[in-house]
Amino acid sequence: MKIFSFFFAVLLLMLQGISGNTEVQCRQAGGVCSSDRCPPPHTRPFGRCQQGIPCCRT
């Protein structure tokens, strides 16, 4: 039973690390995480930084 708890903790740490990579991926692709919508007139959404937060680029 202890091994199950260990694997569950490792799984949670891995999932937490994956969720933080979306902002890094957005910036590496030349984008910026916006708080609400992409500011007009020259930016457009092309992905998500987090749930409901668009990644915008020109």
Protein backbone atom coordinates (compact mmCIF):
# COMPACT_ATOMS: atom_id res chain seq x y z
CA MET A 1 0.00 0.00 0.00
CA LYS A 2 2.93 2.35 0.62
CA ILE A 3 4.12 1.88 -2.95
CA PHE A 4 0.71 3.00 -4.23
CA SER A 5 0.97 6.23 -2.23
CA PHE A 6 4.47 6.81 -3.60
CA PHE A 7 3.39 6.35 -7.22
CA PHE A 8 0.38 8.61 -6.69
CA ALA A 9 2.63 11.37 -5.32
CA VAL A 10 5.01 11.01 -8.28
CA LEU A 11 2.09 11.17 -10.70
CA LEU A 12 0.81 14.39 -9.12
CA LEU A 13 4.26 15.99 -9.34
CA MET A 14 4.54 15.03 -13.01
CA LEU A 15 1.11 16.47 -13.83
CA GLN A 16 1.94 19.68 -12.00
CA GLY A 17 5.11 20.05 -14.07
CA ILE A 18 3.25 19.51 -17.32
CA SER A 19 0.70 22.23 -16.60
CA GLY A 20 3.41 24.86 -16.07
CA ASN A 21 5.03 24.24 -19.44
CA THR A 22 2.26 25.84 -21.47
CA GLU A 23 3.41 29.38 -20.63
CA VAL A 24 6.98 28.48 -21.56
CA GLN A 25 5.82 26.92 -24.82
CA CYS A 26 3.79 30.03 -25.62
CA ARG A 27 6.81 32.29 -25.14
CA GLN A 28 9.09 29.97 -27.11
CA ALA A 29 6.62 30.17 -30.01
CA GLY A 30 6.83 33.97 -29.93
CA GLY A 31 3.61 34.52 -28.02
CA VAL A 32 2.50 36.28 -24.88
CA CYS A 33 -0.01 35.06 -22.30
CA SER A 34 -2.90 37.51 -22.12
CA SER A 35 -5.12 37.94 -19.08
CA ASP A 36 -8.43 38.19 -20.93
CA ARG A 37 -8.35 38.53 -24.72
CA CYS A 38 -5.62 39.23 -27.23
CA PRO A 39 -5.18 43.00 -27.54
CA PRO A 40 -6.23 44.39 -30.92
CA PRO A 41 -5.44 45.20 -33.63
CA HIS A 42 -2.44 43.05 -34.56
CA THR A 43 -2.52 40.04 -32.23
CA ARG A 44 -4.45 36.81 -32.51
CA PRO A 45 -4.87 33.77 -30.27
CA PHE A 46 -3.09 30.60 -31.34
CA GLY A 47 -3.15 28.48 -28.20
CA ARG A 48 -3.78 28.45 -24.46
CA CYS A 49 -1.43 29.30 -21.61
CA GLN A 50 -3.82 27.97 -18.98
CA GLN A 51 -7.49 27.19 -18.90
CA GLY A 52 -9.25 30.20 -20.38
CA ILE A 53 -6.09 32.28 -20.89
CA PRO A 54 -5.11 32.70 -24.55
CA CYS A 55 -1.60 32.74 -25.94
CA CYS A 56 -1.40 35.67 -28.37
CA ARG A 57 1.06 36.59 -31.07
CA THR A 58 1.30 39.03 -33.92
